[in-house]
Amino acid sequence: MNSRNEAVSHYDAGEQGFTTADILWSVGIWSVILTLSPVIVFYMLLVA
């Protein structure tokens, strides 16, 4: 229990808002989702 509390407090102390890596990850994931969604919809329309 003690080590878990230390780990949580250490994580909270090191986390300060969004980092550049977080922003790049979110932009990359959203670009993939927005790029593939029309392709998936078109494919579903062709198959159905």
C-alpha atoms as a PDB file:
ATOM      1  CA  MET A   1       0.000   0.000   0.000  1.00  0.00           C
ATOM      2  CA  ASN A   2       2.809   2.353   0.862  1.00  0.00           C
ATOM      3  CA  SER A   3       4.707   1.780  -2.381  1.00  0.00           C
ATOM      4  CA  ARG A   4       1.495   2.267  -4.380  1.00  0.00           C
ATOM      5  CA  ASN A   5       0.888   5.638  -2.749  1.00  0.00           C
ATOM      6  CA  GLU A   6       4.447   6.687  -3.508  1.00  0.00           C
ATOM      7  CA  ALA A   7       4.035   5.645  -7.144  1.00  0.00           C
ATOM      8  CA  VAL A   8       0.778   7.580  -7.497  1.00  0.00           C
ATOM      9  CA  SER A   9       2.231  10.728  -5.913  1.00  0.00           C
ATOM     10  CA  HIS A  10       5.332  10.443  -8.111  1.00  0.00           C
ATOM     11  CA  TYR A  11       3.110  10.131 -11.216  1.00  0.00           C
ATOM     12  CA  ASP A  12       1.032  13.144 -10.201  1.00  0.00           C
ATOM     13  CA  ALA A  13       4.134  15.215  -9.550  1.00  0.00           C
ATOM     14  CA  GLY A  14       5.602  14.405 -12.959  1.00  0.00           C
ATOM     15  CA  GLU A  15       2.407  14.987 -14.917  1.00  0.00           C
ATOM     16  CA  GLN A  16       1.857  18.612 -15.919  1.00  0.00           C
ATOM     17  CA  GLY A  17      -0.757  19.050 -18.628  1.00  0.00           C
ATOM     18  CA  PHE A  18      -0.268  17.739 -22.148  1.00  0.00           C
ATOM     19  CA  THR A  19       3.187  17.089 -23.505  1.00  0.00           C
ATOM     20  CA  THR A  20       4.167  17.362 -27.153  1.00  0.00           C
ATOM     21  CA  ALA A  21       4.124  13.569 -27.465  1.00  0.00           C
ATOM     22  CA  ASP A  22       0.535  13.431 -26.171  1.00  0.00           C
ATOM     23  CA  ILE A  23      -0.560  16.022 -28.734  1.00  0.00           C
ATOM     24  CA  LEU A  24       1.216  14.191 -31.554  1.00  0.00           C
ATOM     25  CA  TRP A  25      -0.385  10.888 -30.525  1.00  0.00           C
ATOM     26  CA  SER A  26      -3.872  12.407 -30.426  1.00  0.00           C
ATOM     27  CA  VAL A  27      -3.426  14.170 -33.776  1.00  0.00           C
ATOM     28  CA  GLY A  28      -2.113  10.975 -35.365  1.00  0.00           C
ATOM     29  CA  ILE A  29      -4.934   8.825 -34.029  1.00  0.00           C
ATOM     30  CA  TRP A  30      -7.625  11.316 -35.058  1.00  0.00           C
ATOM     31  CA  SER A  31      -6.127  11.722 -38.536  1.00  0.00           C
ATOM     32  CA  VAL A  32      -6.200   7.941 -39.019  1.00  0.00           C
ATOM     33  CA  ILE A  33      -9.806   7.741 -37.780  1.00  0.00           C
ATOM     34  CA  LEU A  34     -10.988  10.624 -39.957  1.00  0.00           C
ATOM     35  CA  THR A  35      -9.124   9.270 -42.985  1.00  0.00           C
ATOM     36  CA  LEU A  36     -10.452   5.718 -42.697  1.00  0.00           C
ATOM     37  CA  SER A  37     -14.052   6.452 -41.714  1.00  0.00           C
ATOM     38  CA  PRO A  38     -15.212   7.429 -45.260  1.00  0.00           C
ATOM     39  CA  VAL A  39     -13.446   4.361 -46.649  1.00  0.00           C
ATOM     40  CA  ILE A  40     -15.228   2.101 -44.154  1.00  0.00           C
ATOM     41  CA  VAL A  41     -18.604   3.735 -44.860  1.00  0.00           C
ATOM     42  CA  PHE A  42     -18.110   3.379 -48.618  1.00  0.00           C
ATOM     43  CA  TYR A  43     -17.103  -0.261 -48.202  1.00  0.00           C
ATOM     44  CA  MET A  44     -20.174  -0.967 -46.055  1.00  0.00           C
ATOM     45  CA  LEU A  45     -22.411   0.656 -48.659  1.00  0.00           C
ATOM     46  CA  LEU A  46     -20.905  -1.513 -51.389  1.00  0.00           C
ATOM     47  CA  VAL A  47     -21.186  -4.727 -49.402  1.00  0.00           C
ATOM     48  CA  ALA A  48     -24.656  -4.159 -47.897  1.00  0.00           C
END
